[in-house]
């Protein structure tokens, strides 16, 4: 399938999930996350979940990691739409909502890619080669390309992979890992 078809199909599937179903899937994702090696992780790039789209609860995952990793720092993306750019900033008490309804940190301290040991990546669906479909703006792909980010890029999905996304291109940056409620994938 093409990205546009997958985006429509999987957004509808995710929106059809009830709140109790999402809570159960989030708990199962957390179990998969707990099976990963976090021994050399000191800073994580994450994302604020879009509740209106039933996005996996990344805050549950980061709260768990902060409880088990002393002095773990979390960074969240802030999008500069006018510049077609995204950067990560240290977690702050204050958040703002951008024009797409996505929460972002009040930008105080920028976190450089080399400071983040891993980045949790939002998405709708992924394929067996680690390619992902997000909301189609390309911010994560540009970020990874711009900085040549080589540390783990871990997608979080409620759904298992599809065989292949048909219209990937040279600008798409594949994930290195993905966590679903039932499995962990490494690409």
C-alpha atoms as a PDB file:
ATOM      1  CA  UNK A   1       0.000   0.000   0.000  1.00  0.00           C
ATOM      2  CA  UNK A   2       0.967   3.621  -0.484  1.00  0.00           C
ATOM      3  CA  UNK A   3       1.707   5.914   2.466  1.00  0.00           C
ATOM      4  CA  UNK A   4      -1.436   7.969   1.891  1.00  0.00           C
ATOM      5  CA  UNK A   5      -3.636   4.845   1.970  1.00  0.00           C
ATOM      6  CA  UNK A   6      -1.820   3.471   5.023  1.00  0.00           C
ATOM      7  CA  UNK A   7      -2.110   6.812   6.815  1.00  0.00           C
ATOM      8  CA  UNK A   8      -5.871   6.880   6.266  1.00  0.00           C
ATOM      9  CA  UNK A   9      -6.390   3.199   7.150  1.00  0.00           C
ATOM     10  CA  UNK A  10      -4.256   3.110  10.301  1.00  0.00           C
ATOM     11  CA  UNK A  11      -5.424   6.470  11.613  1.00  0.00           C
ATOM     12  CA  UNK A  12      -8.995   5.131  11.354  1.00  0.00           C
ATOM     13  CA  UNK A  13      -7.966   1.881  13.090  1.00  0.00           C
ATOM     14  CA  UNK A  14      -6.304   3.806  15.898  1.00  0.00           C
ATOM     15  CA  UNK A  15      -9.223   6.206  16.328  1.00  0.00           C
ATOM     16  CA  UNK A  16     -11.589   3.219  16.538  1.00  0.00           C
ATOM     17  CA  UNK A  17      -9.808   1.937  19.653  1.00  0.00           C
ATOM     18  CA  UNK A  18     -11.633   2.566  22.905  1.00  0.00           C
ATOM     19  CA  UNK A  19      -9.886   4.138  25.890  1.00  0.00           C
ATOM     20  CA  UNK A  20      -9.769   0.797  27.790  1.00  0.00           C
ATOM     21  CA  UNK A  21      -8.242  -0.852  24.697  1.00  0.00           C
ATOM     22  CA  UNK A  22      -5.582   1.876  24.475  1.00  0.00           C
ATOM     23  CA  UNK A  23      -4.748   1.497  28.171  1.00  0.00           C
ATOM     24  CA  UNK A  24      -4.318  -2.266  27.720  1.00  0.00           C
ATOM     25  CA  UNK A  25      -2.136  -1.798  24.617  1.00  0.00           C
ATOM     26  CA  UNK A  26      -0.026   0.837  26.422  1.00  0.00           C
ATOM     27  CA  UNK A  27       0.538  -1.596  29.309  1.00  0.00           C
ATOM     28  CA  UNK A  28       1.615  -4.312  26.855  1.00  0.00           C
ATOM     29  CA  UNK A  29       4.019  -1.884  25.134  1.00  0.00           C
ATOM     30  CA  UNK A  30       5.467  -1.026  28.547  1.00  0.00           C
ATOM     31  CA  UNK A  31       6.124  -4.737  29.168  1.00  0.00           C
ATOM     32  CA  UNK A  32       8.019  -4.944  25.861  1.00  0.00           C
ATOM     33  CA  UNK A  33       9.964  -1.797  26.759  1.00  0.00           C
ATOM     34  CA  UNK A  34      10.956  -3.331  30.105  1.00  0.00           C
ATOM     35  CA  UNK A  35      12.630  -6.208  28.234  1.00  0.00           C
ATOM     36  CA  UNK A  36      15.079  -3.839  26.509  1.00  0.00           C
ATOM     37  CA  UNK A  37      18.575  -3.013  27.774  1.00  0.00           C
ATOM     38  CA  UNK A  38      18.569   0.515  29.204  1.00  0.00           C
ATOM     39  CA  UNK A  39      21.917   0.253  31.036  1.00  0.00           C
ATOM     40  CA  UNK A  40      23.739   2.883  28.939  1.00  0.00           C
ATOM     41  CA  UNK A  41      20.879   5.325  28.457  1.00  0.00           C
ATOM     42  CA  UNK A  42      21.073   8.744  30.105  1.00  0.00           C
ATOM     43  CA  UNK A  43      19.007  10.927  27.793  1.00  0.00           C
ATOM     44  CA  UNK A  44      15.958   9.985  25.729  1.00  0.00           C
ATOM     45  CA  UNK A  45      14.192  11.894  23.000  1.00  0.00           C
ATOM     46  CA  UNK A  46      10.465  11.245  23.257  1.00  0.00           C
ATOM     47  CA  UNK A  47       7.172  12.781  22.114  1.00  0.00           C
ATOM     48  CA  UNK A  48       3.956  13.999  23.687  1.00  0.00           C
ATOM     49  CA  UNK A  49       1.118  11.672  22.653  1.00  0.00           C
ATOM     50  CA  UNK A  50      -1.752  13.106  20.634  1.00  0.00           C
ATOM     51  CA  UNK A  51      -4.742  11.901  22.617  1.00  0.00           C
ATOM     52  CA  UNK A  52      -7.189  12.943  19.900  1.00  0.00           C
ATOM     53  CA  UNK A  53      -5.526  10.369  17.614  1.00  0.00           C
ATOM     54  CA  UNK A  54      -5.175   7.619  20.265  1.00  0.00           C
ATOM     55  CA  UNK A  55      -1.404   7.779  19.980  1.00  0.00           C
ATOM     56  CA  UNK A  56       0.471   5.350  22.265  1.00  0.00           C
ATOM     57  CA  UNK A  57       1.095   6.856  25.695  1.00  0.00           C
ATOM     58  CA  UNK A  58       4.781   7.730  25.540  1.00  0.00           C
ATOM     59  CA  UNK A  59       4.471   9.530  28.889  1.00  0.00           C
ATOM     60  CA  UNK A  60       3.766   6.179  30.568  1.00  0.00           C
ATOM     61  CA  UNK A  61       6.974   4.819  29.036  1.00  0.00           C
ATOM     62  CA  UNK A  62       9.137   7.787  30.028  1.00  0.00           C
ATOM     63  CA  UNK A  63       7.715   7.847  33.592  1.00  0.00           C
ATOM     64  CA  UNK A  64       8.704   4.188  33.974  1.00  0.00           C
ATOM     65  CA  UNK A  65      12.191   4.834  32.593  1.00  0.00           C
ATOM     66  CA  UNK A  66      12.689   7.829  34.890  1.00  0.00           C
ATOM     67  CA  UNK A  67      11.767   5.602  37.832  1.00  0.00           C
ATOM     68  CA  UNK A  68      14.392   2.960  36.968  1.00  0.00           C
ATOM     69  CA  UNK A  69      17.194   5.109  35.495  1.00  0.00           C
ATOM     70  CA  UNK A  70      18.660   7.584  37.984  1.00  0.00           C
ATOM     71  CA  UNK A  71      19.023  11.129  36.623  1.00  0.00           C
ATOM     72  CA  UNK A  72      17.508  10.246  33.237  1.00  0.00           C
ATOM     73  CA  UNK A  73      16.755  13.319  31.181  1.00  0.00           C
ATOM     74  CA  UNK A  74      13.980  13.499  28.609  1.00  0.00           C
ATOM     75  CA  UNK A  75      13.857  15.761  25.572  1.00  0.00           C
ATOM     76  CA  UNK A  76      10.794  16.568  23.481  1.00  0.00           C
ATOM     77  CA  UNK A  77      10.522  17.926  19.943  1.00  0.00           C
ATOM     78  CA  UNK A  78       9.429  21.413  19.040  1.00  0.00           C
ATOM     79  CA  UNK A  79       8.437  22.080  15.443  1.00  0.00           C
ATOM     80  CA  UNK A  80       9.268  25.295  13.630  1.00  0.00           C
ATOM     81  CA  UNK A  81       6.774  24.927  10.779  1.00  0.00           C
ATOM     82  CA  UNK A  82       7.854  28.124   9.028  1.00  0.00           C
ATOM     83  CA  UNK A  83      11.383  26.719   8.754  1.00  0.00           C
ATOM     84  CA  UNK A  84      10.279  23.117   8.118  1.00  0.00           C
ATOM     85  CA  UNK A  85      12.448  22.183  11.083  1.00  0.00           C
ATOM     86  CA  UNK A  86      12.263  20.260  14.357  1.00  0.00           C
ATOM     87  CA  UNK A  87      14.599  20.404  17.357  1.00  0.00           C
ATOM     88  CA  UNK A  88      14.560  18.730  20.763  1.00  0.00           C
ATOM     89  CA  UNK A  89      14.460  20.572  24.091  1.00  0.00           C
ATOM     90  CA  UNK A  90      14.774  19.481  27.699  1.00  0.00           C
ATOM     91  CA  UNK A  91      11.565  18.496  29.412  1.00  0.00           C
ATOM     92  CA  UNK A  92       9.967  21.440  31.196  1.00  0.00           C
ATOM     93  CA  UNK A  93       6.974  21.892  33.466  1.00  0.00           C
ATOM     94  CA  UNK A  94       5.312  24.086  30.870  1.00  0.00           C
ATOM     95  CA  UNK A  95       4.025  22.899  27.529  1.00  0.00           C
ATOM     96  CA  UNK A  96       2.427  24.708  24.629  1.00  0.00           C
ATOM     97  CA  UNK A  97       0.177  23.386  21.882  1.00  0.00           C
ATOM     98  CA  UNK A  98       1.235  23.906  18.281  1.00  0.00           C
ATOM     99  CA  UNK A  99      -1.089  24.502  15.327  1.00  0.00           C
ATOM    100  CA  UNK A 100      -1.636  20.738  14.849  1.00  0.00           C
ATOM    101  CA  UNK A 101      -2.694  20.239  18.471  1.00  0.00           C
ATOM    102  CA  UNK A 102       0.602  18.610  19.457  1.00  0.00           C
ATOM    103  CA  UNK A 103       2.047  19.509  22.835  1.00  0.00           C
ATOM    104  CA  UNK A 104       5.600  20.813  22.849  1.00  0.00           C
ATOM    105  CA  UNK A 105       7.966  21.853  25.641  1.00  0.00           C
ATOM    106  CA  UNK A 106       8.430  25.529  26.379  1.00  0.00           C
ATOM    107  CA  UNK A 107      11.843  25.712  24.684  1.00  0.00           C
ATOM    108  CA  UNK A 108      14.546  26.522  27.199  1.00  0.00           C
ATOM    109  CA  UNK A 109      17.532  24.225  26.738  1.00  0.00           C
ATOM    110  CA  UNK A 110      18.146  22.662  23.354  1.00  0.00           C
ATOM    111  CA  UNK A 111      19.286  19.042  23.392  1.00  0.00           C
ATOM    112  CA  UNK A 112      21.647  18.084  20.607  1.00  0.00           C
ATOM    113  CA  UNK A 113      21.258  14.732  18.850  1.00  0.00           C
ATOM    114  CA  UNK A 114      24.566  13.438  20.171  1.00  0.00           C
ATOM    115  CA  UNK A 115      23.256  14.007  23.709  1.00  0.00           C
ATOM    116  CA  UNK A 116      20.301  11.639  23.170  1.00  0.00           C
ATOM    117  CA  UNK A 117      21.072   7.947  23.526  1.00  0.00           C
ATOM    118  CA  UNK A 118      17.773   6.918  21.952  1.00  0.00           C
ATOM    119  CA  UNK A 119      14.760   8.595  20.356  1.00  0.00           C
ATOM    120  CA  UNK A 120      11.228   7.235  20.693  1.00  0.00           C
ATOM    121  CA  UNK A 121       9.421   7.938  17.429  1.00  0.00           C
ATOM    122  CA  UNK A 122       5.645   8.303  16.914  1.00  0.00           C
ATOM    123  CA  UNK A 123       3.993   6.679  13.900  1.00  0.00           C
ATOM    124  CA  UNK A 124       0.860   5.126  12.524  1.00  0.00           C
ATOM    125  CA  UNK A 125       2.309   1.963  10.979  1.00  0.00           C
ATOM    126  CA  UNK A 126       5.645   0.466   9.916  1.00  0.00           C
ATOM    127  CA  UNK A 127       6.899  -2.240   7.596  1.00  0.00           C
ATOM    128  CA  UNK A 128       9.220  -5.223   8.013  1.00  0.00           C
ATOM    129  CA  UNK A 129      12.195  -3.132   6.873  1.00  0.00           C
ATOM    130  CA  UNK A 130      11.735  -0.448   9.544  1.00  0.00           C
ATOM    131  CA  UNK A 131      10.121   2.165   7.310  1.00  0.00           C
ATOM    132  CA  UNK A 132       7.369   4.130   9.025  1.00  0.00           C
ATOM    133  CA  UNK A 133       4.303   6.140   8.136  1.00  0.00           C
ATOM    134  CA  UNK A 134       3.642   9.172  10.294  1.00  0.00           C
ATOM    135  CA  UNK A 135       1.428  12.145   9.573  1.00  0.00           C
ATOM    136  CA  UNK A 136       3.305  12.992   6.377  1.00  0.00           C
ATOM    137  CA  UNK A 137       5.130  16.195   7.278  1.00  0.00           C
ATOM    138  CA  UNK A 138       8.610  14.563   7.282  1.00  0.00           C
ATOM    139  CA  UNK A 139       9.957  16.297  10.403  1.00  0.00           C
ATOM    140  CA  UNK A 140      11.553  13.172  11.891  1.00  0.00           C
ATOM    141  CA  UNK A 141      13.124  12.097   8.591  1.00  0.00           C
ATOM    142  CA  UNK A 142      14.605  15.571   8.086  1.00  0.00           C
ATOM    143  CA  UNK A 143      15.858  15.635  11.681  1.00  0.00           C
ATOM    144  CA  UNK A 144      17.583  12.260  11.360  1.00  0.00           C
ATOM    145  CA  UNK A 145      19.072  13.182   7.974  1.00  0.00           C
ATOM    146  CA  UNK A 146      20.190  16.647   9.055  1.00  0.00           C
ATOM    147  CA  UNK A 147      22.133  15.367  12.026  1.00  0.00           C
ATOM    148  CA  UNK A 148      23.060  11.920  10.715  1.00  0.00           C
ATOM    149  CA  UNK A 149      21.629  10.523  13.952  1.00  0.00           C
ATOM    150  CA  UNK A 150      22.998   6.987  14.401  1.00  0.00           C
ATOM    151  CA  UNK A 151      21.673   6.079  17.852  1.00  0.00           C
ATOM    152  CA  UNK A 152      18.570   3.883  18.134  1.00  0.00           C
ATOM    153  CA  UNK A 153      15.379   5.248  16.580  1.00  0.00           C
ATOM    154  CA  UNK A 154      12.621   3.273  18.295  1.00  0.00           C
ATOM    155  CA  UNK A 155       9.126   3.427  16.846  1.00  0.00           C
ATOM    156  CA  UNK A 156       6.125   2.872  19.099  1.00  0.00           C
ATOM    157  CA  UNK A 157       3.067   1.273  17.480  1.00  0.00           C
ATOM    158  CA  UNK A 158      -0.167  -0.412  18.483  1.00  0.00           C
ATOM    159  CA  UNK A 159       0.011  -2.466  15.284  1.00  0.00           C
ATOM    160  CA  UNK A 160       2.292  -5.171  13.959  1.00  0.00           C
ATOM    161  CA  UNK A 161       4.307  -4.426  10.795  1.00  0.00           C
ATOM    162  CA  UNK A 162       2.916  -4.689   7.310  1.00  0.00           C
ATOM    163  CA  UNK A 163       5.060  -6.452   4.684  1.00  0.00           C
ATOM    164  CA  UNK A 164       6.143  -3.343   2.747  1.00  0.00           C
ATOM    165  CA  UNK A 165       5.388   0.340   2.319  1.00  0.00           C
ATOM    166  CA  UNK A 166       5.352   0.730  -1.462  1.00  0.00           C
ATOM    167  CA  UNK A 167       6.350   4.370  -1.872  1.00  0.00           C
ATOM    168  CA  UNK A 168       9.353   4.867   0.385  1.00  0.00           C
ATOM    169  CA  UNK A 169      11.978   7.171  -1.048  1.00  0.00           C
ATOM    170  CA  UNK A 170      15.565   8.298  -0.502  1.00  0.00           C
ATOM    171  CA  UNK A 171      14.496  10.862   2.114  1.00  0.00           C
ATOM    172  CA  UNK A 172      12.855   8.297   4.406  1.00  0.00           C
ATOM    173  CA  UNK A 173      15.038   7.305   7.372  1.00  0.00           C
ATOM    174  CA  UNK A 174      14.122   3.830   8.649  1.00  0.00           C
ATOM    175  CA  UNK A 175      13.748   2.969  12.307  1.00  0.00           C
ATOM    176  CA  UNK A 176      16.375   0.824  14.007  1.00  0.00           C
ATOM    177  CA  UNK A 177      13.807  -0.750  16.355  1.00  0.00           C
ATOM    178  CA  UNK A 178      10.079  -0.867  16.962  1.00  0.00           C
ATOM    179  CA  UNK A 179       7.991  -1.824  19.968  1.00  0.00           C
ATOM    180  CA  UNK A 180       4.431  -3.117  19.644  1.00  0.00           C
ATOM    181  CA  UNK A 181       2.192  -4.608  22.351  1.00  0.00           C
ATOM    182  CA  UNK A 182       3.321  -8.105  21.372  1.00  0.00           C
ATOM    183  CA  UNK A 183       6.843  -7.804  19.969  1.00  0.00           C
ATOM    184  CA  UNK A 184      10.122  -5.932  19.756  1.00  0.00           C
ATOM    185  CA  UNK A 185      11.715  -5.563  16.341  1.00  0.00           C
ATOM    186  CA  UNK A 186      15.263  -4.724  15.366  1.00  0.00           C
ATOM    187  CA  UNK A 187      16.071  -3.708  11.796  1.00  0.00           C
END
